[in-house]
Every structure is written in structure tokens, then in C-alpha cells.
N, C-alpha and C. Protein backbone atom coordinates (compact mmCIF):
# COMPACT_ATOMS: atom_id res chain seq x y z
N MET A 1 3.75 -16.28 -12.62
CA MET A 1 5.05 -16.18 -11.99
C MET A 1 4.96 -15.27 -10.78
N LYS A 2 5.41 -15.73 -9.65
CA LYS A 2 5.37 -14.93 -8.44
C LYS A 2 6.62 -14.05 -8.37
N ARG A 3 6.39 -12.78 -8.14
CA ARG A 3 7.48 -11.83 -8.06
C ARG A 3 8.04 -11.81 -6.65
N SER A 4 9.34 -11.79 -6.52
CA SER A 4 9.90 -11.71 -5.18
C SER A 4 10.35 -10.28 -4.92
N TYR A 5 9.95 -9.77 -3.80
CA TYR A 5 10.30 -8.40 -3.42
C TYR A 5 11.33 -8.46 -2.31
N ARG A 6 12.28 -7.59 -2.40
CA ARG A 6 13.32 -7.54 -1.38
C ARG A 6 12.81 -6.75 -0.19
N HIS A 7 13.00 -7.27 0.97
CA HIS A 7 12.61 -6.57 2.19
C HIS A 7 13.84 -5.82 2.70
N TRP A 8 13.77 -4.50 2.59
CA TRP A 8 14.90 -3.66 2.96
C TRP A 8 14.87 -3.33 4.44
N SER A 9 16.04 -3.09 4.97
CA SER A 9 16.23 -2.59 6.33
C SER A 9 17.52 -1.78 6.29
N ARG A 10 17.83 -1.13 7.37
CA ARG A 10 19.07 -0.36 7.44
C ARG A 10 20.27 -1.27 7.16
N ASP A 11 20.31 -2.43 7.82
CA ASP A 11 21.42 -3.36 7.64
C ASP A 11 21.49 -3.92 6.23
N GLU A 12 20.33 -4.18 5.63
CA GLU A 12 20.28 -4.73 4.28
C GLU A 12 20.82 -3.71 3.27
N VAL A 13 20.51 -2.43 3.47
CA VAL A 13 21.03 -1.37 2.59
C VAL A 13 22.55 -1.34 2.69
N ILE A 14 23.07 -1.38 3.90
CA ILE A 14 24.53 -1.34 4.11
C ILE A 14 25.19 -2.56 3.47
N ARG A 15 24.59 -3.74 3.65
CA ARG A 15 25.14 -4.97 3.04
C ARG A 15 25.19 -4.85 1.51
N GLU A 16 24.10 -4.32 0.93
CA GLU A 16 24.05 -4.20 -0.53
C GLU A 16 25.09 -3.21 -1.05
N ILE A 17 25.28 -2.11 -0.35
CA ILE A 17 26.30 -1.14 -0.75
C ILE A 17 27.68 -1.79 -0.71
N ARG A 18 27.95 -2.51 0.36
CA ARG A 18 29.25 -3.19 0.47
C ARG A 18 29.43 -4.24 -0.62
N ARG A 19 28.36 -4.97 -0.95
CA ARG A 19 28.43 -5.99 -2.00
C ARG A 19 28.73 -5.33 -3.35
N LEU A 20 28.03 -4.23 -3.65
CA LEU A 20 28.28 -3.53 -4.91
C LEU A 20 29.69 -2.96 -4.96
N ASN A 21 30.17 -2.48 -3.83
CA ASN A 21 31.52 -1.94 -3.76
C ASN A 21 32.55 -3.05 -4.02
N GLU A 22 32.33 -4.22 -3.44
CA GLU A 22 33.24 -5.35 -3.66
C GLU A 22 33.27 -5.76 -5.14
N GLN A 23 32.14 -5.59 -5.82
CA GLN A 23 32.06 -5.92 -7.25
C GLN A 23 32.56 -4.77 -8.12
N LYS A 24 33.08 -3.73 -7.48
CA LYS A 24 33.63 -2.56 -8.19
C LYS A 24 32.58 -1.83 -9.02
N MET A 25 31.33 -1.84 -8.55
CA MET A 25 30.25 -1.12 -9.23
C MET A 25 30.35 0.37 -8.90
N GLN A 26 29.81 1.19 -9.80
CA GLN A 26 29.71 2.62 -9.51
C GLN A 26 28.79 2.80 -8.32
N LEU A 27 29.13 3.70 -7.44
CA LEU A 27 28.28 3.96 -6.28
C LEU A 27 27.86 5.42 -6.19
N ASN A 28 28.10 6.20 -7.25
CA ASN A 28 27.65 7.59 -7.18
C ASN A 28 26.13 7.63 -7.21
N SER A 29 25.57 8.65 -6.63
CA SER A 29 24.12 8.73 -6.43
C SER A 29 23.32 8.67 -7.73
N GLY A 30 23.80 9.31 -8.78
CA GLY A 30 23.08 9.31 -10.05
C GLY A 30 22.97 7.92 -10.64
N PHE A 31 24.07 7.20 -10.64
CA PHE A 31 24.07 5.84 -11.18
C PHE A 31 23.15 4.93 -10.36
N ILE A 32 23.23 5.02 -9.05
CA ILE A 32 22.41 4.17 -8.19
C ILE A 32 20.93 4.51 -8.37
N ALA A 33 20.60 5.79 -8.44
CA ALA A 33 19.19 6.19 -8.60
C ALA A 33 18.62 5.65 -9.91
N ARG A 34 19.44 5.61 -10.98
CA ARG A 34 18.97 5.11 -12.27
C ARG A 34 18.96 3.59 -12.33
N THR A 35 19.98 2.96 -11.76
CA THR A 35 20.18 1.53 -11.92
C THR A 35 19.55 0.69 -10.81
N TYR A 36 19.56 1.22 -9.61
CA TYR A 36 19.03 0.50 -8.44
C TYR A 36 18.08 1.42 -7.66
N PRO A 37 16.97 1.83 -8.27
CA PRO A 37 16.09 2.79 -7.60
C PRO A 37 15.55 2.30 -6.25
N ALA A 38 15.33 1.01 -6.11
CA ALA A 38 14.83 0.48 -4.84
C ALA A 38 15.88 0.67 -3.74
N LEU A 39 17.14 0.45 -4.08
CA LEU A 39 18.22 0.66 -3.13
C LEU A 39 18.33 2.14 -2.75
N ALA A 40 18.25 3.02 -3.75
CA ALA A 40 18.31 4.46 -3.48
C ALA A 40 17.17 4.88 -2.56
N TYR A 41 15.97 4.37 -2.83
CA TYR A 41 14.81 4.69 -2.00
C TYR A 41 15.01 4.16 -0.59
N ALA A 42 15.47 2.91 -0.46
CA ALA A 42 15.68 2.32 0.87
C ALA A 42 16.75 3.09 1.65
N ALA A 43 17.78 3.55 0.95
CA ALA A 43 18.83 4.34 1.61
C ALA A 43 18.26 5.63 2.19
N ARG A 44 17.37 6.27 1.41
CA ARG A 44 16.73 7.50 1.91
C ARG A 44 15.83 7.18 3.09
N LYS A 45 15.07 6.11 2.96
CA LYS A 45 14.10 5.75 4.00
C LYS A 45 14.78 5.35 5.31
N TYR A 46 15.79 4.50 5.24
CA TYR A 46 16.38 3.94 6.45
C TYR A 46 17.60 4.69 6.97
N LEU A 47 18.25 5.47 6.10
CA LEU A 47 19.47 6.15 6.53
C LEU A 47 19.45 7.65 6.29
N GLY A 48 18.38 8.15 5.66
CA GLY A 48 18.25 9.59 5.48
C GLY A 48 18.82 10.14 4.19
N GLY A 49 19.48 9.33 3.41
CA GLY A 49 20.03 9.80 2.14
C GLY A 49 21.16 8.90 1.69
N TRP A 50 21.57 9.07 0.44
CA TRP A 50 22.60 8.21 -0.14
C TRP A 50 23.96 8.44 0.51
N GLU A 51 24.30 9.69 0.75
CA GLU A 51 25.60 9.98 1.37
C GLU A 51 25.69 9.33 2.75
N ALA A 52 24.63 9.44 3.54
CA ALA A 52 24.63 8.82 4.88
C ALA A 52 24.74 7.30 4.78
N ALA A 53 24.10 6.72 3.77
CA ALA A 53 24.16 5.26 3.59
C ALA A 53 25.58 4.83 3.23
N ILE A 54 26.23 5.58 2.36
CA ILE A 54 27.61 5.28 1.97
C ILE A 54 28.52 5.34 3.20
N GLN A 55 28.35 6.38 4.00
CA GLN A 55 29.17 6.53 5.21
C GLN A 55 28.89 5.41 6.21
N ALA A 56 27.62 5.03 6.34
CA ALA A 56 27.26 3.93 7.26
C ALA A 56 27.90 2.61 6.81
N ALA A 57 28.12 2.48 5.51
CA ALA A 57 28.76 1.26 4.98
C ALA A 57 30.28 1.32 5.14
N GLY A 58 30.78 2.42 5.73
CA GLY A 58 32.21 2.55 5.99
C GLY A 58 33.01 3.04 4.80
N LEU A 59 32.34 3.67 3.84
CA LEU A 59 33.02 4.17 2.65
C LEU A 59 33.10 5.69 2.68
N ASP A 60 34.06 6.24 1.94
CA ASP A 60 34.25 7.68 1.88
C ASP A 60 33.46 8.24 0.70
N TYR A 61 32.42 8.98 0.99
CA TYR A 61 31.54 9.49 -0.07
C TYR A 61 32.28 10.43 -1.02
N SER A 62 33.23 11.20 -0.51
CA SER A 62 33.93 12.15 -1.38
C SER A 62 34.73 11.42 -2.46
N GLU A 63 35.13 10.17 -2.21
CA GLU A 63 35.84 9.40 -3.22
C GLU A 63 34.88 8.76 -4.22
N ILE A 64 33.63 8.60 -3.82
CA ILE A 64 32.63 7.93 -4.66
C ILE A 64 31.92 8.90 -5.58
N ARG A 65 31.67 10.09 -5.08
CA ARG A 65 30.92 11.08 -5.87
C ARG A 65 31.64 11.37 -7.17
N ARG A 66 30.91 11.25 -8.26
CA ARG A 66 31.51 11.54 -9.56
C ARG A 66 31.44 13.03 -9.83
N LYS A 67 30.31 13.64 -9.55
CA LYS A 67 30.15 15.07 -9.74
C LYS A 67 30.25 15.73 -8.37
N ARG A 68 31.14 16.64 -8.25
CA ARG A 68 31.36 17.29 -6.96
C ARG A 68 30.71 18.67 -6.89
N PHE A 69 29.82 18.94 -7.82
CA PHE A 69 29.23 20.28 -7.88
C PHE A 69 28.31 20.56 -6.71
N TRP A 70 27.41 19.65 -6.37
CA TRP A 70 26.39 19.92 -5.37
C TRP A 70 26.84 19.58 -3.95
N ASN A 71 26.40 20.41 -3.04
CA ASN A 71 26.49 20.12 -1.62
C ASN A 71 25.26 20.77 -0.99
N ARG A 72 25.04 20.56 0.29
CA ARG A 72 23.83 21.07 0.94
C ARG A 72 23.69 22.58 0.77
N LYS A 73 24.76 23.29 0.95
CA LYS A 73 24.72 24.75 0.86
C LYS A 73 24.37 25.22 -0.56
N LYS A 74 25.03 24.63 -1.55
CA LYS A 74 24.76 25.02 -2.94
C LYS A 74 23.32 24.70 -3.35
N ILE A 75 22.81 23.58 -2.86
CA ILE A 75 21.44 23.19 -3.20
C ILE A 75 20.45 24.20 -2.62
N THR A 76 20.58 24.53 -1.34
CA THR A 76 19.63 25.47 -0.73
C THR A 76 19.77 26.87 -1.33
N GLU A 77 20.99 27.27 -1.66
CA GLU A 77 21.18 28.58 -2.30
C GLU A 77 20.48 28.62 -3.66
N ARG A 78 20.62 27.54 -4.43
CA ARG A 78 20.01 27.49 -5.76
C ARG A 78 18.48 27.49 -5.66
N ILE A 79 17.95 26.78 -4.70
CA ILE A 79 16.49 26.77 -4.49
C ILE A 79 16.00 28.18 -4.16
N ARG A 80 16.73 28.88 -3.29
CA ARG A 80 16.34 30.26 -2.94
C ARG A 80 16.44 31.19 -4.15
N GLU A 81 17.49 31.02 -4.96
CA GLU A 81 17.63 31.83 -6.19
C GLU A 81 16.44 31.62 -7.12
N LEU A 82 16.08 30.37 -7.34
CA LEU A 82 14.95 30.06 -8.21
C LEU A 82 13.67 30.66 -7.67
N HIS A 83 13.47 30.55 -6.37
CA HIS A 83 12.27 31.10 -5.74
C HIS A 83 12.22 32.62 -5.89
N GLN A 84 13.36 33.28 -5.63
CA GLN A 84 13.41 34.74 -5.72
C GLN A 84 13.19 35.24 -7.14
N SER A 85 13.56 34.43 -8.12
CA SER A 85 13.35 34.86 -9.51
C SER A 85 11.98 34.43 -10.04
N GLY A 86 11.16 33.88 -9.15
CA GLY A 86 9.79 33.53 -9.53
C GLY A 86 9.64 32.22 -10.28
N LYS A 87 10.67 31.40 -10.29
CA LYS A 87 10.62 30.11 -11.00
C LYS A 87 9.77 29.12 -10.21
N PRO A 88 9.08 28.21 -10.90
CA PRO A 88 8.25 27.23 -10.20
C PRO A 88 9.11 26.22 -9.45
N LEU A 89 8.68 25.84 -8.27
CA LEU A 89 9.43 24.89 -7.47
C LEU A 89 8.64 23.64 -7.11
N HIS A 90 7.42 23.51 -7.63
CA HIS A 90 6.69 22.29 -7.32
C HIS A 90 7.39 21.13 -8.03
N VAL A 91 7.42 20.00 -7.36
CA VAL A 91 8.30 18.91 -7.76
C VAL A 91 8.06 18.42 -9.18
N SER A 92 6.84 18.36 -9.66
CA SER A 92 6.61 17.84 -11.01
C SER A 92 7.27 18.71 -12.07
N VAL A 93 7.26 20.01 -11.87
CA VAL A 93 7.91 20.92 -12.82
C VAL A 93 9.41 20.96 -12.54
N ALA A 94 9.78 20.98 -11.28
CA ALA A 94 11.20 21.04 -10.91
C ALA A 94 11.97 19.86 -11.50
N GLU A 95 11.38 18.66 -11.46
CA GLU A 95 12.04 17.49 -12.04
C GLU A 95 12.31 17.70 -13.52
N ARG A 96 11.38 18.31 -14.22
CA ARG A 96 11.53 18.53 -15.66
C ARG A 96 12.53 19.65 -15.95
N LEU A 97 12.49 20.73 -15.17
CA LEU A 97 13.33 21.89 -15.44
C LEU A 97 14.72 21.83 -14.82
N TYR A 98 14.80 21.28 -13.63
CA TYR A 98 16.09 21.27 -12.90
C TYR A 98 16.37 19.87 -12.37
N GLY A 99 16.34 18.88 -13.24
CA GLY A 99 16.49 17.48 -12.83
C GLY A 99 17.70 17.21 -11.96
N GLY A 100 18.85 17.76 -12.33
CA GLY A 100 20.06 17.54 -11.54
C GLY A 100 19.94 18.09 -10.14
N LEU A 101 19.33 19.25 -10.02
CA LEU A 101 19.13 19.86 -8.70
C LEU A 101 18.19 19.01 -7.85
N VAL A 102 17.10 18.55 -8.45
CA VAL A 102 16.13 17.73 -7.71
C VAL A 102 16.79 16.42 -7.28
N GLY A 103 17.56 15.81 -8.18
CA GLY A 103 18.25 14.57 -7.83
C GLY A 103 19.24 14.77 -6.70
N ALA A 104 20.01 15.85 -6.79
CA ALA A 104 20.98 16.13 -5.72
C ALA A 104 20.27 16.44 -4.41
N ALA A 105 19.19 17.20 -4.48
CA ALA A 105 18.43 17.54 -3.27
C ALA A 105 17.89 16.27 -2.62
N THR A 106 17.41 15.35 -3.44
CA THR A 106 16.87 14.10 -2.91
C THR A 106 17.97 13.29 -2.24
N MET A 107 19.12 13.26 -2.84
CA MET A 107 20.23 12.50 -2.26
C MET A 107 20.76 13.14 -0.97
N TYR A 108 20.88 14.47 -0.95
CA TYR A 108 21.44 15.13 0.22
C TYR A 108 20.43 15.33 1.35
N PHE A 109 19.17 15.56 1.01
CA PHE A 109 18.17 15.87 2.02
C PHE A 109 17.13 14.77 2.23
N GLY A 110 17.07 13.81 1.32
CA GLY A 110 16.10 12.75 1.44
C GLY A 110 14.86 12.95 0.59
N SER A 111 14.56 14.20 0.25
CA SER A 111 13.42 14.50 -0.63
C SER A 111 13.52 15.95 -1.08
N TRP A 112 12.81 16.26 -2.15
CA TRP A 112 12.74 17.63 -2.64
C TRP A 112 12.07 18.52 -1.60
N ARG A 113 11.00 18.01 -1.00
CA ARG A 113 10.27 18.76 0.03
C ARG A 113 11.21 19.19 1.17
N LYS A 114 12.03 18.27 1.65
CA LYS A 114 12.96 18.57 2.75
C LYS A 114 14.00 19.61 2.32
N ALA A 115 14.45 19.53 1.07
CA ALA A 115 15.43 20.50 0.58
C ALA A 115 14.81 21.89 0.49
N VAL A 116 13.57 21.96 0.02
CA VAL A 116 12.87 23.25 -0.06
C VAL A 116 12.71 23.84 1.35
N LYS A 117 12.33 23.00 2.29
CA LYS A 117 12.20 23.46 3.69
C LYS A 117 13.55 23.91 4.24
N ALA A 118 14.62 23.16 3.92
CA ALA A 118 15.96 23.54 4.38
C ALA A 118 16.40 24.88 3.80
N ALA A 119 15.85 25.22 2.64
CA ALA A 119 16.15 26.52 2.01
C ALA A 119 15.36 27.65 2.67
N GLY A 120 14.54 27.30 3.67
CA GLY A 120 13.79 28.31 4.39
C GLY A 120 12.46 28.67 3.76
N LEU A 121 11.96 27.83 2.88
CA LEU A 121 10.70 28.12 2.20
C LEU A 121 9.60 27.22 2.75
N ASP A 122 8.39 27.72 2.68
CA ASP A 122 7.22 26.96 3.10
C ASP A 122 6.78 26.09 1.93
N TYR A 123 6.99 24.79 2.05
CA TYR A 123 6.70 23.90 0.93
C TYR A 123 5.22 23.93 0.53
N SER A 124 4.35 24.13 1.49
CA SER A 124 2.92 24.16 1.16
C SER A 124 2.58 25.31 0.23
N LYS A 125 3.40 26.36 0.23
CA LYS A 125 3.17 27.49 -0.68
C LYS A 125 3.89 27.30 -2.00
N VAL A 126 4.81 26.35 -2.05
CA VAL A 126 5.59 26.09 -3.25
C VAL A 126 4.92 25.03 -4.12
N LYS A 127 4.38 24.00 -3.48
CA LYS A 127 3.81 22.90 -4.26
C LYS A 127 2.56 23.36 -4.99
N ARG A 128 2.35 22.77 -6.14
CA ARG A 128 1.21 23.15 -6.95
C ARG A 128 0.04 22.23 -6.62
N GLN A 129 -0.98 22.81 -6.10
CA GLN A 129 -2.20 22.08 -5.80
C GLN A 129 -3.33 22.80 -6.51
N LYS A 130 -3.74 22.28 -7.61
CA LYS A 130 -4.81 22.91 -8.37
C LYS A 130 -6.15 22.44 -7.82
N ASP A 131 -7.08 23.34 -7.68
CA ASP A 131 -8.43 22.97 -7.27
C ASP A 131 -9.18 22.55 -8.53
N TRP A 132 -9.28 21.24 -8.71
CA TRP A 132 -9.91 20.70 -9.91
C TRP A 132 -11.42 20.66 -9.77
N SER A 133 -12.07 20.84 -10.88
CA SER A 133 -13.51 20.65 -11.02
C SER A 133 -13.71 20.25 -12.48
N LYS A 134 -14.90 19.80 -12.83
CA LYS A 134 -15.14 19.44 -14.23
C LYS A 134 -14.90 20.63 -15.14
N LYS A 135 -15.35 21.79 -14.71
CA LYS A 135 -15.20 23.00 -15.51
C LYS A 135 -13.72 23.36 -15.70
N VAL A 136 -12.92 23.27 -14.63
CA VAL A 136 -11.49 23.59 -14.70
C VAL A 136 -10.77 22.59 -15.61
N ILE A 137 -11.13 21.33 -15.52
CA ILE A 137 -10.50 20.29 -16.34
C ILE A 137 -10.78 20.55 -17.82
N VAL A 138 -12.03 20.81 -18.15
CA VAL A 138 -12.41 21.07 -19.54
C VAL A 138 -11.67 22.30 -20.07
N ARG A 139 -11.61 23.35 -19.26
CA ARG A 139 -10.91 24.57 -19.66
C ARG A 139 -9.42 24.28 -19.91
N GLU A 140 -8.81 23.49 -19.05
CA GLU A 140 -7.40 23.17 -19.21
C GLU A 140 -7.16 22.31 -20.46
N ILE A 141 -8.03 21.35 -20.72
CA ILE A 141 -7.90 20.53 -21.93
C ILE A 141 -8.02 21.41 -23.17
N ARG A 142 -8.98 22.30 -23.19
CA ARG A 142 -9.16 23.20 -24.34
C ARG A 142 -7.96 24.13 -24.51
N ARG A 143 -7.42 24.62 -23.41
CA ARG A 143 -6.25 25.50 -23.47
C ARG A 143 -5.07 24.77 -24.09
N LEU A 144 -4.83 23.54 -23.64
CA LEU A 144 -3.72 22.75 -24.18
C LEU A 144 -3.95 22.43 -25.66
N HIS A 145 -5.20 22.12 -26.01
CA HIS A 145 -5.52 21.84 -27.41
C HIS A 145 -5.27 23.08 -28.27
N ALA A 146 -5.64 24.25 -27.78
CA ALA A 146 -5.42 25.49 -28.52
C ALA A 146 -3.93 25.75 -28.73
N GLN A 147 -3.10 25.25 -27.81
CA GLN A 147 -1.65 25.39 -27.93
C GLN A 147 -1.04 24.25 -28.76
N ARG A 148 -1.92 23.46 -29.36
CA ARG A 148 -1.53 22.35 -30.23
C ARG A 148 -0.75 21.26 -29.49
N MET A 149 -1.09 21.05 -28.22
CA MET A 149 -0.47 19.97 -27.46
C MET A 149 -1.14 18.65 -27.84
N ARG A 150 -0.38 17.60 -27.81
CA ARG A 150 -0.91 16.28 -28.18
C ARG A 150 -1.75 15.72 -27.04
N LEU A 151 -3.03 15.53 -27.31
CA LEU A 151 -3.96 15.06 -26.29
C LEU A 151 -4.72 13.81 -26.71
N ASP A 152 -4.32 13.22 -27.85
CA ASP A 152 -5.11 12.13 -28.42
C ASP A 152 -4.95 10.79 -27.73
N THR A 153 -3.87 10.54 -27.05
CA THR A 153 -3.68 9.26 -26.36
C THR A 153 -3.33 9.51 -24.91
N THR A 154 -3.61 8.54 -24.10
CA THR A 154 -3.37 8.75 -22.66
C THR A 154 -1.91 8.65 -22.27
N ILE A 155 -1.08 7.95 -23.05
CA ILE A 155 0.33 7.80 -22.65
C ILE A 155 1.03 9.15 -22.58
N PRO A 156 1.07 9.96 -23.66
CA PRO A 156 1.73 11.26 -23.55
C PRO A 156 1.04 12.16 -22.53
N VAL A 157 -0.26 12.07 -22.44
CA VAL A 157 -0.98 12.92 -21.48
C VAL A 157 -0.54 12.56 -20.07
N ARG A 158 -0.50 11.26 -19.77
CA ARG A 158 -0.07 10.84 -18.43
C ARG A 158 1.36 11.26 -18.15
N GLN A 159 2.21 11.24 -19.15
CA GLN A 159 3.61 11.62 -18.95
C GLN A 159 3.78 13.12 -18.76
N HIS A 160 3.06 13.91 -19.54
CA HIS A 160 3.29 15.35 -19.55
C HIS A 160 2.31 16.15 -18.71
N TYR A 161 1.13 15.61 -18.49
CA TYR A 161 0.09 16.34 -17.74
C TYR A 161 -0.50 15.40 -16.69
N ARG A 162 0.35 14.86 -15.87
CA ARG A 162 -0.03 13.84 -14.89
C ARG A 162 -1.19 14.27 -14.01
N ASN A 163 -1.12 15.48 -13.47
CA ASN A 163 -2.18 15.95 -12.56
C ASN A 163 -3.50 16.14 -13.30
N LEU A 164 -3.44 16.69 -14.50
CA LEU A 164 -4.65 16.87 -15.30
C LEU A 164 -5.27 15.52 -15.64
N HIS A 165 -4.46 14.59 -16.06
CA HIS A 165 -4.97 13.26 -16.41
C HIS A 165 -5.64 12.61 -15.20
N ALA A 166 -4.98 12.66 -14.05
CA ALA A 166 -5.54 12.05 -12.84
C ALA A 166 -6.87 12.70 -12.47
N ALA A 167 -6.93 14.03 -12.57
CA ALA A 167 -8.18 14.73 -12.24
C ALA A 167 -9.28 14.37 -13.24
N ALA A 168 -8.93 14.26 -14.52
CA ALA A 168 -9.93 13.91 -15.54
C ALA A 168 -10.51 12.53 -15.29
N VAL A 169 -9.65 11.59 -14.94
CA VAL A 169 -10.13 10.23 -14.65
C VAL A 169 -11.00 10.24 -13.39
N ARG A 170 -10.58 11.01 -12.40
CA ARG A 170 -11.35 11.08 -11.15
C ARG A 170 -12.73 11.70 -11.38
N TYR A 171 -12.80 12.77 -12.15
CA TYR A 171 -14.07 13.49 -12.34
C TYR A 171 -14.95 12.92 -13.45
N PHE A 172 -14.30 12.37 -14.52
CA PHE A 172 -15.08 11.92 -15.66
C PHE A 172 -15.08 10.40 -15.85
N GLY A 173 -14.24 9.71 -15.13
CA GLY A 173 -14.16 8.27 -15.26
C GLY A 173 -13.10 7.79 -16.23
N SER A 174 -12.73 8.64 -17.19
CA SER A 174 -11.68 8.29 -18.15
C SER A 174 -11.22 9.55 -18.87
N TRP A 175 -10.05 9.45 -19.51
CA TRP A 175 -9.54 10.56 -20.31
C TRP A 175 -10.45 10.78 -21.53
N ALA A 176 -10.93 9.69 -22.11
CA ALA A 176 -11.80 9.80 -23.28
C ALA A 176 -13.07 10.58 -22.95
N GLU A 177 -13.65 10.32 -21.80
CA GLU A 177 -14.86 11.05 -21.39
C GLU A 177 -14.56 12.53 -21.17
N ALA A 178 -13.40 12.83 -20.63
CA ALA A 178 -13.01 14.23 -20.44
C ALA A 178 -12.88 14.94 -21.78
N LEU A 179 -12.29 14.25 -22.77
CA LEU A 179 -12.18 14.83 -24.12
C LEU A 179 -13.56 15.05 -24.73
N ARG A 180 -14.47 14.10 -24.53
CA ARG A 180 -15.83 14.26 -25.04
C ARG A 180 -16.49 15.48 -24.41
N GLU A 181 -16.32 15.64 -23.11
CA GLU A 181 -16.91 16.78 -22.40
C GLU A 181 -16.34 18.10 -22.93
N ALA A 182 -15.07 18.07 -23.33
CA ALA A 182 -14.42 19.27 -23.88
C ALA A 182 -14.74 19.43 -25.36
N ARG A 183 -15.59 18.54 -25.89
CA ARG A 183 -15.98 18.53 -27.31
C ARG A 183 -14.78 18.35 -28.23
N LEU A 184 -13.87 17.49 -27.80
CA LEU A 184 -12.69 17.18 -28.59
C LEU A 184 -12.61 15.68 -28.86
N GLU A 185 -13.76 15.04 -28.95
CA GLU A 185 -13.79 13.58 -29.17
C GLU A 185 -13.13 13.17 -30.49
N ARG A 186 -13.02 14.11 -31.44
CA ARG A 186 -12.37 13.77 -32.71
C ARG A 186 -10.92 13.36 -32.48
N LEU A 187 -10.34 13.79 -31.39
CA LEU A 187 -8.95 13.40 -31.09
C LEU A 187 -8.84 11.92 -30.79
N LEU A 188 -9.95 11.32 -30.37
CA LEU A 188 -9.93 9.89 -30.02
C LEU A 188 -9.78 9.00 -31.24
N ARG A 189 -10.10 9.48 -32.39
CA ARG A 189 -10.05 8.68 -33.61
C ARG A 189 -8.64 8.62 -34.20
N LYS A 190 -7.75 9.45 -33.72
CA LYS A 190 -6.39 9.50 -34.29
C LYS A 190 -5.55 8.37 -33.79
């Protein structure tokens, strides 16, 4: 079966928003991001964000927003507060810890990176870039195992330790080989 992909453009995004509005669909950013992620992505790409796309379609975003808590100022203030209190701001952890903030930042600024920059922070110092090596990977696997984290299958590992899993596959060829190198091959039998 051949899959058909929609080719988005600025005009196509606006047409789709108007079509959904005519069908009385929810148009708040959270619903669209969950239900129509391709549309949400295209709106960010071609119009700079969901709010801008709604306005370009001739609709009043303040009437569409279901949650009125976030705005640009509140988002940047919260990012600065988190940074000042030493909380992690790299996107993989931020999504898990402050999902609503990351979602709002993406909708208002187009991406988490842009929101962090708008808060006056250097994103390159915020993002987590671990220098992986075989030795570091093995040490990290053993550390997680000592904390009784589930490492026996690749699905939970990919979901919870995405960067570690990717590095293990890159350096060892597979997650199973990385576990063998860490002398935890018994986990493979579970």
C-alpha cells in the first residue's frame, strides 16, 4: 500500500485551519499537537507558531485558547526561574518534567530552543551533549542497573534513555552487545 503524504505550505496550513474551524473542531494548541501533529509542525515551520497560524487564518486566538495560563512573558520567566534554581533545561528532560511549559514554548516560539534563547540563555550551554565512548556507555548501563532500572528490552530503554540507547547502538552495533560488554547479558534472557 502506497502511503500518501500531504505537502504542506503556508496556504495549505491556513486552509486546513479554516476547514477544521468550519467543522467546529477544537483548535487549541494542545489538541492540535496531539491530534494533528503534522499540522502543528507545518504551522510552526511555515508561520512561526500555532498562534500566528490561527491569526493568519483570520481567527481570534484568544477565543480559541482553552488554557490562558501561558504567554511569551510567562514562558520566558519560568525558563529563567528553572535555570536559576539549577533545574535541567535540555529538551529531553524538560519534556518529561515540564511538558506543559515545553508545549507552550513550542507553540509560542516555534521550538524549545527558541524559547530558551528568548529567555536570554545560551542554548548550547543548556542542552545536554554527553561525550559518549564505549567506557562511558558501559559505566552508564551499570549505574542504571545498580539503580534497578529496567534494561532488559530495547523498548523501555529507547523510551527512557534515548541518548544512551542511540550511543550504545552506534558504538556497539546493538543494545544487546552493549549489555554484553557491561557483563549484564543475563538481562537478555528475561
